[in-house]
C-alpha atoms as a PDB file:
ATOM      1  CA  MET A   1       0.000   0.000   0.000  1.00  0.00           C
ATOM      2  CA  TYR A   2       1.160   3.511  -0.650  1.00  0.00           C
ATOM      3  CA  PHE A   3       0.510   6.540   1.673  1.00  0.00           C
ATOM      4  CA  SER A   4       0.768  10.210   0.843  1.00  0.00           C
ATOM      5  CA  THR A   5       3.340  12.461   2.451  1.00  0.00           C
ATOM      6  CA  GLN A   6       0.661  14.418   4.361  1.00  0.00           C
ATOM      7  CA  THR A   7      -0.656  11.268   5.986  1.00  0.00           C
ATOM      8  CA  VAL A   8       2.777  10.298   7.198  1.00  0.00           C
ATOM      9  CA  LEU A   9       3.428  13.743   8.674  1.00  0.00           C
ATOM     10  CA  ALA A  10       0.102  13.729  10.517  1.00  0.00           C
ATOM     11  CA  ALA A  11       0.885  10.369  12.081  1.00  0.00           C
ATOM     12  CA  ILE A  12       4.275  11.585  13.318  1.00  0.00           C
ATOM     13  CA  LEU A  13       2.693  14.724  14.923  1.00  0.00           C
ATOM     14  CA  VAL A  14       0.109  12.618  16.769  1.00  0.00           C
ATOM     15  CA  GLY A  15       2.920  10.422  18.148  1.00  0.00           C
ATOM     16  CA  PHE A  16       4.876  13.364  19.524  1.00  0.00           C
ATOM     17  CA  ALA A  17       1.748  14.898  21.116  1.00  0.00           C
ATOM     18  CA  GLY A  18       1.016  11.637  22.927  1.00  0.00           C
ATOM     19  CA  GLN A  19       4.530  11.497  24.314  1.00  0.00           C
ATOM     20  CA  ALA A  20       4.271  15.073  25.628  1.00  0.00           C
ATOM     21  CA  VAL A  21       0.968  14.437  27.414  1.00  0.00           C
ATOM     22  CA  ALA A  22       2.153  11.224  29.010  1.00  0.00           C
ATOM     23  CA  HIS A  23       5.390  12.747  30.329  1.00  0.00           C
ATOM     24  CA  PRO A  24       5.516  12.435  34.178  1.00  0.00           C
ATOM     25  CA  MET A  25       5.519  15.577  36.442  1.00  0.00           C
ATOM     26  CA  PRO A  26       8.969  16.401  37.908  1.00  0.00           C
ATOM     27  CA  MET A  27       9.442  15.075  41.439  1.00  0.00           C
ATOM     28  CA  PRO A  28      10.127  18.430  43.219  1.00  0.00           C
ATOM     29  CA  LEU A  29       6.878  19.960  41.826  1.00  0.00           C
ATOM     30  CA  ARG A  30       4.940  16.807  42.707  1.00  0.00           C
ATOM     31  CA  ARG A  31       6.154  16.937  46.364  1.00  0.00           C
ATOM     32  CA  THR A  32       5.117  20.642  46.658  1.00  0.00           C
ATOM     33  CA  PHE A  33       1.528  19.957  45.587  1.00  0.00           C
ATOM     34  CA  ALA A  34       1.302  16.821  47.727  1.00  0.00           C
ATOM     35  CA  GLY A  35       2.126  18.776  50.925  1.00  0.00           C
ATOM     36  CA  ARG A  36      -0.643  21.431  50.473  1.00  0.00           C
ATOM     37  CA  SER A  37      -4.111  21.027  52.057  1.00  0.00           C
ATOM     38  CA  VAL A  38      -7.410  22.119  50.485  1.00  0.00           C
ATOM     39  CA  ALA A  39      -8.490  25.641  51.683  1.00  0.00           C
ATOM     40  CA  ALA A  40     -10.647  28.566  50.513  1.00  0.00           C
ATOM     41  CA  LEU A  41      -9.032  30.908  48.105  1.00  0.00           C
ATOM     42  CA  ASP A  42      -8.487  34.488  49.277  1.00  0.00           C
ATOM     43  CA  THR A  43      -9.932  37.389  47.329  1.00  0.00           C
ATOM     44  CA  ILE A  44      -7.446  39.277  45.334  1.00  0.00           C
ATOM     45  CA  SER A  45      -6.672  42.542  47.129  1.00  0.00           C
ATOM     46  CA  ALA A  46      -7.344  44.564  43.999  1.00  0.00           C
ATOM     47  CA  TYR A  47     -11.001  43.453  44.064  1.00  0.00           C
ATOM     48  CA  ARG A  48     -11.656  44.040  47.772  1.00  0.00           C
ATOM     49  CA  ARG A  49     -14.298  46.836  48.343  1.00  0.00           C
ATOM     50  CA  ALA A  50     -15.150  48.282  51.727  1.00  0.00           C
ATOM     51  CA  ASP A  51     -18.854  48.883  50.882  1.00  0.00           C
ATOM     52  CA  THR A  52     -19.917  45.285  50.439  1.00  0.00           C
ATOM     53  CA  ASN A  53     -23.485  44.799  51.746  1.00  0.00           C
ATOM     54  CA  THR A  54     -23.238  42.313  54.628  1.00  0.00           C
ATOM     55  CA  ILE A  55     -26.603  43.381  56.097  1.00  0.00           C
ATOM     56  CA  PRO A  56     -29.459  40.882  55.782  1.00  0.00           C
ATOM     57  CA  ALA A  57     -31.760  41.439  52.854  1.00  0.00           C
ATOM     58  CA  GLU A  58     -34.835  42.103  55.034  1.00  0.00           C
ATOM     59  CA  VAL A  59     -33.150  45.060  56.769  1.00  0.00           C
ATOM     60  CA  PRO A  60     -33.440  48.397  54.915  1.00  0.00           C
ATOM     61  CA  THR A  61     -30.083  50.003  54.130  1.00  0.00           C
ATOM     62  CA  MET A  62     -28.648  53.305  53.044  1.00  0.00           C
ATOM     63  CA  ALA A  63     -25.246  54.560  51.855  1.00  0.00           C
ATOM     64  CA  PRO A  64     -25.108  58.317  52.532  1.00  0.00           C
ATOM     65  CA  ASN A  65     -21.258  58.458  52.278  1.00  0.00           C
ATOM     66  CA  GLY A  66     -20.872  55.513  49.931  1.00  0.00           C
ATOM     67  CA  VAL A  67     -20.717  52.975  52.770  1.00  0.00           C
ATOM     68  CA  ILE A  68     -23.688  50.631  53.096  1.00  0.00           C
ATOM     69  CA  GLU A  69     -25.282  50.689  56.562  1.00  0.00           C
ATOM     70  CA  GLU A  70     -28.639  50.075  58.178  1.00  0.00           C
ATOM     71  CA  TYR A  71     -31.249  52.725  57.387  1.00  0.00           C
ATOM     72  CA  GLN A  72     -31.576  55.403  60.084  1.00  0.00           C
ATOM     73  CA  ASN A  73     -34.241  58.099  59.766  1.00  0.00           C
ATOM     74  CA  LYS A  74     -32.603  61.287  60.954  1.00  0.00           C
ATOM     75  CA  ARG A  75     -35.543  63.580  60.094  1.00  0.00           C
ATOM     76  CA  ALA A  76     -37.760  64.850  62.896  1.00  0.00           C
ATOM     77  CA  ASP A  77     -40.940  64.956  60.757  1.00  0.00           C
ATOM     78  CA  THR A  78     -41.312  61.217  60.334  1.00  0.00           C
ATOM     79  CA  ASN A  79     -44.990  60.245  60.601  1.00  0.00           C
ATOM     80  CA  THR A  80     -45.289  58.051  63.694  1.00  0.00           C
ATOM     81  CA  ILE A  81     -49.007  58.769  64.056  1.00  0.00           C
ATOM     82  CA  PRO A  82     -51.353  55.850  63.294  1.00  0.00           C
ATOM     83  CA  ALA A  83     -52.753  55.806  59.746  1.00  0.00           C
ATOM     84  CA  GLU A  84     -56.370  56.238  60.903  1.00  0.00           C
ATOM     85  CA  VAL A  85     -55.568  59.545  62.643  1.00  0.00           C
ATOM     86  CA  PRO A  86     -55.678  62.636  60.366  1.00  0.00           C
ATOM     87  CA  THR A  87     -52.432  64.611  60.339  1.00  0.00           C
ATOM     88  CA  MET A  88     -51.093  67.979  59.256  1.00  0.00           C
ATOM     89  CA  ALA A  89     -47.639  69.537  58.899  1.00  0.00           C
ATOM     90  CA  PRO A  90     -48.051  73.330  59.069  1.00  0.00           C
ATOM     91  CA  ASN A  91     -44.359  73.938  59.854  1.00  0.00           C
ATOM     92  CA  GLY A  92     -43.008  70.851  58.120  1.00  0.00           C
ATOM     93  CA  VAL A  93     -43.424  68.662  61.215  1.00  0.00           C
ATOM     94  CA  ILE A  94     -46.137  66.005  61.027  1.00  0.00           C
ATOM     95  CA  GLU A  95     -48.634  66.189  63.888  1.00  0.00           C
ATOM     96  CA  GLU A  96     -52.233  65.268  64.604  1.00  0.00           C
ATOM     97  CA  TYR A  97     -54.771  67.422  62.800  1.00  0.00           C
ATOM     98  CA  GLN A  98     -56.133  70.276  64.912  1.00  0.00           C
ATOM     99  CA  ASN A  99     -58.875  72.511  63.524  1.00  0.00           C
ATOM    100  CA  LYS A 100     -57.977  76.004  64.608  1.00  0.00           C
ATOM    101  CA  ARG A 101     -60.780  77.730  62.682  1.00  0.00           C
ATOM    102  CA  ALA A 102     -63.770  79.037  64.590  1.00  0.00           C
ATOM    103  CA  ASP A 103     -66.239  78.405  61.728  1.00  0.00           C
ATOM    104  CA  THR A 104     -66.191  74.631  61.886  1.00  0.00           C
ATOM    105  CA  ASN A 105     -69.701  73.273  61.360  1.00  0.00           C
ATOM    106  CA  THR A 106     -70.699  71.530  64.597  1.00  0.00           C
ATOM    107  CA  ILE A 107     -74.410  71.841  63.843  1.00  0.00           C
ATOM    108  CA  PRO A 108     -76.224  68.578  62.994  1.00  0.00           C
ATOM    109  CA  ALA A 109     -76.556  67.864  59.277  1.00  0.00           C
ATOM    110  CA  GLU A 110     -80.365  68.004  59.343  1.00  0.00           C
ATOM    111  CA  VAL A 111     -80.357  71.601  60.646  1.00  0.00           C
ATOM    112  CA  PRO A 112     -80.051  74.294  57.930  1.00  0.00           C
ATOM    113  CA  THR A 113     -77.099  76.637  58.431  1.00  0.00           C
ATOM    114  CA  MET A 114     -75.797  79.979  57.223  1.00  0.00           C
ATOM    115  CA  ALA A 115     -72.533  81.904  57.553  1.00  0.00           C
ATOM    116  CA  PRO A 116     -73.309  85.604  57.004  1.00  0.00           C
ATOM    117  CA  ASN A 117     -70.054  86.757  58.665  1.00  0.00           C
ATOM    118  CA  GLY A 118     -68.019  83.659  57.831  1.00  0.00           C
ATOM    119  CA  VAL A 119     -69.081  81.864  61.020  1.00  0.00           C
ATOM    120  CA  ILE A 120     -71.416  78.890  60.554  1.00  0.00           C
ATOM    121  CA  GLU A 121     -74.631  79.158  62.575  1.00  0.00           C
ATOM    122  CA  GLU A 122     -78.184  77.891  62.467  1.00  0.00           C
ATOM    123  CA  TYR A 123     -80.271  79.435  59.726  1.00  0.00           C
ATOM    124  CA  GLN A 124     -82.377  82.370  60.861  1.00  0.00           C
ATOM    125  CA  ASN A 125     -84.779  84.018  58.471  1.00  0.00           C
ATOM    126  CA  LYS A 126     -84.508  87.715  59.107  1.00  0.00           C
ATOM    127  CA  ARG A 127     -86.766  88.762  56.245  1.00  0.00           C
ATOM    128  CA  ALA A 128     -90.299  89.868  57.018  1.00  0.00           C
ATOM    129  CA  ASP A 129     -91.744  88.546  53.754  1.00  0.00           C
ATOM    130  CA  THR A 130     -91.454  84.865  54.616  1.00  0.00           C
ATOM    131  CA  ASN A 131     -94.539  83.013  53.465  1.00  0.00           C
ATOM    132  CA  THR A 132     -96.257  81.610  56.561  1.00  0.00           C
ATOM    133  CA  ILE A 133     -99.624  81.339  54.821  1.00  0.00           C
ATOM    134  CA  PRO A 134    -100.846  77.795  54.049  1.00  0.00           C
ATOM    135  CA  ALA A 135    -100.056  76.559  50.556  1.00  0.00           C
ATOM    136  CA  GLU A 136    -103.724  76.241  49.577  1.00  0.00           C
ATOM    137  CA  VAL A 137    -104.409  79.944  50.238  1.00  0.00           C
ATOM    138  CA  PRO A 138    -103.586  82.288  47.334  1.00  0.00           C
ATOM    139  CA  THR A 139    -101.114  85.015  48.216  1.00  0.00           C
ATOM    140  CA  MET A 140     -99.835  88.321  46.891  1.00  0.00           C
ATOM    141  CA  ALA A 141     -96.990  90.668  47.775  1.00  0.00           C
ATOM    142  CA  PRO A 142     -97.889  94.140  46.480  1.00  0.00           C
ATOM    143  CA  ASN A 143     -95.346  95.899  48.727  1.00  0.00           C
ATOM    144  CA  GLY A 144     -92.878  93.015  48.984  1.00  0.00           C
ATOM    145  CA  VAL A 145     -94.636  91.493  52.002  1.00  0.00           C
ATOM    146  CA  ILE A 146     -96.482  88.223  51.404  1.00  0.00           C
ATOM    147  CA  GLU A 147    -100.145  88.348  52.426  1.00  0.00           C
ATOM    148  CA  GLU A 148    -103.401  86.611  51.582  1.00  0.00           C
ATOM    149  CA  TYR A 149    -104.758  87.523  48.198  1.00  0.00           C
ATOM    150  CA  GLN A 150    -107.374  90.272  48.276  1.00  0.00           C
ATOM    151  CA  ASN A 151    -109.207  91.265  45.132  1.00  0.00           C
ATOM    152  CA  LYS A 152    -109.521  95.001  45.216  1.00  0.00           C
ATOM    153  CA  ARG A 153    -111.043  95.311  41.762  1.00  0.00           C
ATOM    154  CA  ALA A 154    -114.782  95.830  41.389  1.00  0.00           C
ATOM    155  CA  ASP A 155    -114.999  93.786  38.186  1.00  0.00           C
ATOM    156  CA  THR A 156    -114.485  90.410  39.833  1.00  0.00           C
ATOM    157  CA  ASN A 157    -116.869  87.861  38.352  1.00  0.00           C
ATOM    158  CA  THR A 158    -119.175  86.687  41.141  1.00  0.00           C
ATOM    159  CA  ILE A 159    -121.851  85.499  38.695  1.00  0.00           C
ATOM    160  CA  PRO A 160    -122.282  81.706  38.396  1.00  0.00           C
ATOM    161  CA  ALA A 161    -120.379  80.128  35.527  1.00  0.00           C
ATOM    162  CA  GLU A 162    -123.549  78.952  33.761  1.00  0.00           C
ATOM    163  CA  VAL A 163    -124.935  82.508  33.458  1.00  0.00           C
ATOM    164  CA  PRO A 164    -123.676  84.472  30.437  1.00  0.00           C
ATOM    165  CA  THR A 165    -121.956  87.720  31.349  1.00  0.00           C
ATOM    166  CA  MET A 166    -120.777  90.937  29.749  1.00  0.00           C
ATOM    167  CA  ALA A 167    -118.646  93.888  30.831  1.00  0.00           C
ATOM    168  CA  PRO A 168    -119.570  96.867  28.636  1.00  0.00           C
ATOM    169  CA  ASN A 169    -118.021  99.405  31.043  1.00  0.00           C
ATOM    170  CA  GLY A 170    -115.382  97.107  32.517  1.00  0.00           C
ATOM    171  CA  VAL A 171    -117.735  95.804  35.232  1.00  0.00           C
ATOM    172  CA  ILE A 172    -118.868  92.196  34.885  1.00  0.00           C
ATOM    173  CA  GLU A 173    -122.665  91.796  34.875  1.00  0.00           C
ATOM    174  CA  GLU A 174    -125.269  89.389  33.611  1.00  0.00           C
ATOM    175  CA  TYR A 175    -125.734  89.487  29.858  1.00  0.00           C
ATOM    176  CA  GLN A 176    -128.632  91.688  28.730  1.00  0.00           C
ATOM    177  CA  ASN A 177    -129.686  91.841  25.082  1.00  0.00           C
ATOM    178  CA  LYS A 178    -130.482  95.455  24.370  1.00  0.00           C
ATOM    179  CA  ARG A 179    -130.954  94.971  20.623  1.00  0.00           C
ATOM    180  CA  ALA A 180    -134.483  94.764  19.179  1.00  0.00           C
ATOM    181  CA  ASP A 181    -133.488  92.275  16.460  1.00  0.00           C
ATOM    182  CA  THR A 182    -133.099  89.335  18.813  1.00  0.00           C
ATOM    183  CA  ASN A 183    -134.606  86.241  17.218  1.00  0.00           C
ATOM    184  CA  THR A 184    -137.551  85.139  19.383  1.00  0.00           C
ATOM    185  CA  ILE A 185    -139.196  83.202  16.521  1.00  0.00           C
ATOM    186  CA  PRO A 186    -139.128  79.394  16.845  1.00  0.00           C
ATOM    187  CA  ALA A 187    -136.280  77.717  15.019  1.00  0.00           C
ATOM    188  CA  GLU A 188    -138.574  75.793  12.669  1.00  0.00           C
ATOM    189  CA  VAL A 189    -140.154  79.009  11.268  1.00  0.00           C
ATOM    190  CA  PRO A 190    -138.239  80.695   8.450  1.00  0.00           C
ATOM    191  CA  THR A 191    -137.245  84.273   9.192  1.00  0.00           C
ATOM    192  CA  MET A 192    -135.947  87.370   7.461  1.00  0.00           C
ATOM    193  CA  ALA A 193    -134.593  90.732   8.551  1.00  0.00           C
ATOM    194  CA  PRO A 194    -135.061  93.160   5.628  1.00  0.00           C
ATOM    195  CA  ASN A 195    -134.628  96.251   7.864  1.00  0.00           C
ATOM    196  CA  GLY A 196    -132.380  94.635  10.491  1.00  0.00           C
ATOM    197  CA  VAL A 197    -135.337  93.386  12.552  1.00  0.00           C
ATOM    198  CA  ILE A 198    -135.901  89.628  12.580  1.00  0.00           C
ATOM    199  CA  GLU A 199    -139.415  88.635  11.507  1.00  0.00           C
ATOM    200  CA  GLU A 200    -141.230  85.707   9.977  1.00  0.00           C
ATOM    201  CA  TYR A 201    -140.507  85.186   6.319  1.00  0.00           C
ATOM    202  CA  GLN A 202    -143.099  86.757   4.017  1.00  0.00           C
ATOM    203  CA  ASN A 203    -143.005  86.219   0.259  1.00  0.00           C
ATOM    204  CA  LYS A 204    -143.901  89.547  -1.296  1.00  0.00           C
ATOM    205  CA  ARG A 205    -143.097  88.526  -4.882  1.00  0.00           C
ATOM    206  CA  ALA A 206    -145.958  87.658  -7.272  1.00  0.00           C
ATOM    207  CA  ASP A 207    -143.956  84.972  -9.113  1.00  0.00           C
ATOM    208  CA  THR A 208    -144.140  82.476  -6.287  1.00  0.00           C
ATOM    209  CA  ASN A 209    -144.801  79.020  -7.702  1.00  0.00           C
ATOM    210  CA  THR A 210    -148.164  77.849  -6.421  1.00  0.00           C
ATOM    211  CA  ILE A 211    -148.642  75.305  -9.241  1.00  0.00           C
ATOM    212  CA  PRO A 212    -148.407  71.641  -8.219  1.00  0.00           C
ATOM    213  CA  ALA A 213    -144.974  70.103  -8.721  1.00  0.00           C
ATOM    214  CA  GLU A 214    -146.196  67.528 -11.265  1.00  0.00           C
ATOM    215  CA  VAL A 215    -147.480  70.264 -13.645  1.00  0.00           C
ATOM    216  CA  PRO A 216    -144.873  71.755 -15.995  1.00  0.00           C
ATOM    217  CA  THR A 217    -144.498  75.509 -15.642  1.00  0.00           C
ATOM    218  CA  MET A 218    -142.973  78.455 -17.430  1.00  0.00           C
ATOM    219  CA  ALA A 219    -142.293  82.113 -16.639  1.00  0.00           C
ATOM    220  CA  PRO A 220    -141.958  83.968 -19.975  1.00  0.00           C
ATOM    221  CA  ASN A 221    -142.545  87.382 -18.317  1.00  0.00           C
ATOM    222  CA  GLY A 222    -141.131  86.492 -14.896  1.00  0.00           C
ATOM    223  CA  VAL A 223    -144.478  85.224 -13.627  1.00  0.00           C
ATOM    224  CA  ILE A 224    -144.752  81.470 -13.081  1.00  0.00           C
ATOM    225  CA  GLU A 225    -147.630  79.864 -14.995  1.00  0.00           C
ATOM    226  CA  GLU A 226    -148.605  76.505 -16.425  1.00  0.00           C
ATOM    227  CA  TYR A 227    -146.656  75.551 -19.494  1.00  0.00           C
ATOM    228  CA  GLN A 228    -148.487  76.369 -22.783  1.00  0.00           C
ATOM    229  CA  ASN A 229    -147.140  75.344 -26.182  1.00  0.00           C
ATOM    230  CA  LYS A 230    -147.748  78.274 -28.498  1.00  0.00           C
ATOM    231  CA  ARG A 231    -145.784  76.881 -31.413  1.00  0.00           C
ATOM    232  CA  ALA A 232    -147.665  75.353 -34.408  1.00  0.00           C
ATOM    233  CA  ASP A 233    -145.038  72.739 -35.082  1.00  0.00           C
ATOM    234  CA  THR A 234    -145.899  70.698 -32.047  1.00  0.00           C
ATOM    235  CA  ASN A 235    -145.851  67.021 -32.903  1.00  0.00           C
ATOM    236  CA  THR A 236    -149.332  65.656 -32.361  1.00  0.00           C
ATOM    237  CA  ILE A 237    -148.784  62.614 -34.571  1.00  0.00           C
ATOM    238  CA  PRO A 238    -148.624  59.282 -32.685  1.00  0.00           C
ATOM    239  CA  ALA A 239    -145.128  58.070 -31.961  1.00  0.00           C
ATOM    240  CA  GLU A 240    -145.447  54.931 -34.032  1.00  0.00           C
ATOM    241  CA  VAL A 241    -146.175  56.995 -37.215  1.00  0.00           C
ATOM    242  CA  PRO A 242    -143.109  58.242 -39.082  1.00  0.00           C
ATOM    243  CA  THR A 243    -143.013  61.999 -39.549  1.00  0.00           C
ATOM    244  CA  MET A 244    -141.209  64.688 -41.496  1.00  0.00           C
ATOM    245  CA  ALA A 245    -141.039  68.491 -41.443  1.00  0.00           C
ATOM    246  CA  PRO A 246    -139.906  69.732 -44.884  1.00  0.00           C
ATOM    247  CA  ASN A 247    -141.130  73.286 -44.240  1.00  0.00           C
ATOM    248  CA  GLY A 248    -140.660  73.285 -40.501  1.00  0.00           C
ATOM    249  CA  VAL A 249    -144.147  71.906 -39.885  1.00  0.00           C
ATOM    250  CA  ILE A 250    -144.342  68.303 -38.611  1.00  0.00           C
ATOM    251  CA  GLU A 251    -146.469  66.027 -40.774  1.00  0.00           C
ATOM    252  CA  GLU A 252    -146.835  62.341 -41.535  1.00  0.00           C
ATOM    253  CA  TYR A 253    -144.083  60.989 -43.642  1.00  0.00           C
ATOM    254  CA  SER A 254    -144.948  60.797 -47.387  1.00  0.00           C
ATOM    255  CA  ASN A 255    -142.585  58.995 -49.750  1.00  0.00           C
END
């Protein structure tokens, strides 16, 4: 078999590497390591920091100068008052709330109040026009003072609602018909008022139709009368006989 030059060189390099790995440690170095015991390694001095946090995690800390220490509240205004107690800090110091104003409302909620001068007090109505009259009584306030309603006008209607009224001079009174043309004639009788006075209807014209309705009428001169045929060409020939009128006069038809 024939091998390439590269294969031969690779085999030689692998042989040398195996010899180097399997070479035994020198005896002086082996004795040095055999005499040492196992111990924790010290931190390199270059990595040692003075501000390492060695305080337990549940303890709050602070580092005002770059050194970690337990948290100390050096301010005097820390709120040590229970949460359910209202507080104030007028000068920057927290303290219990004290109401120093004189106008605090100590009056029960159901009592109406007022504060005319900035001081809360019970409501007092100092106006004379307060309405003390019952709600069902009508009132008026002509001078700004509420009082019962008084009708000082003479034209108040005291007449019953079913009676017709009039007020010719501004005073309400019962209706009086002072005109002579009032219709006193029964409704079923026809009437007329030729001069403005209502009276029964009278037919003063001579052309009134007094002829029975089934009789034909005419009024050639404006007077109604029974119909009369004054023309000679009236057809008196029976309907079943044929007729003609060559000269305008109706006669039996002749062929």
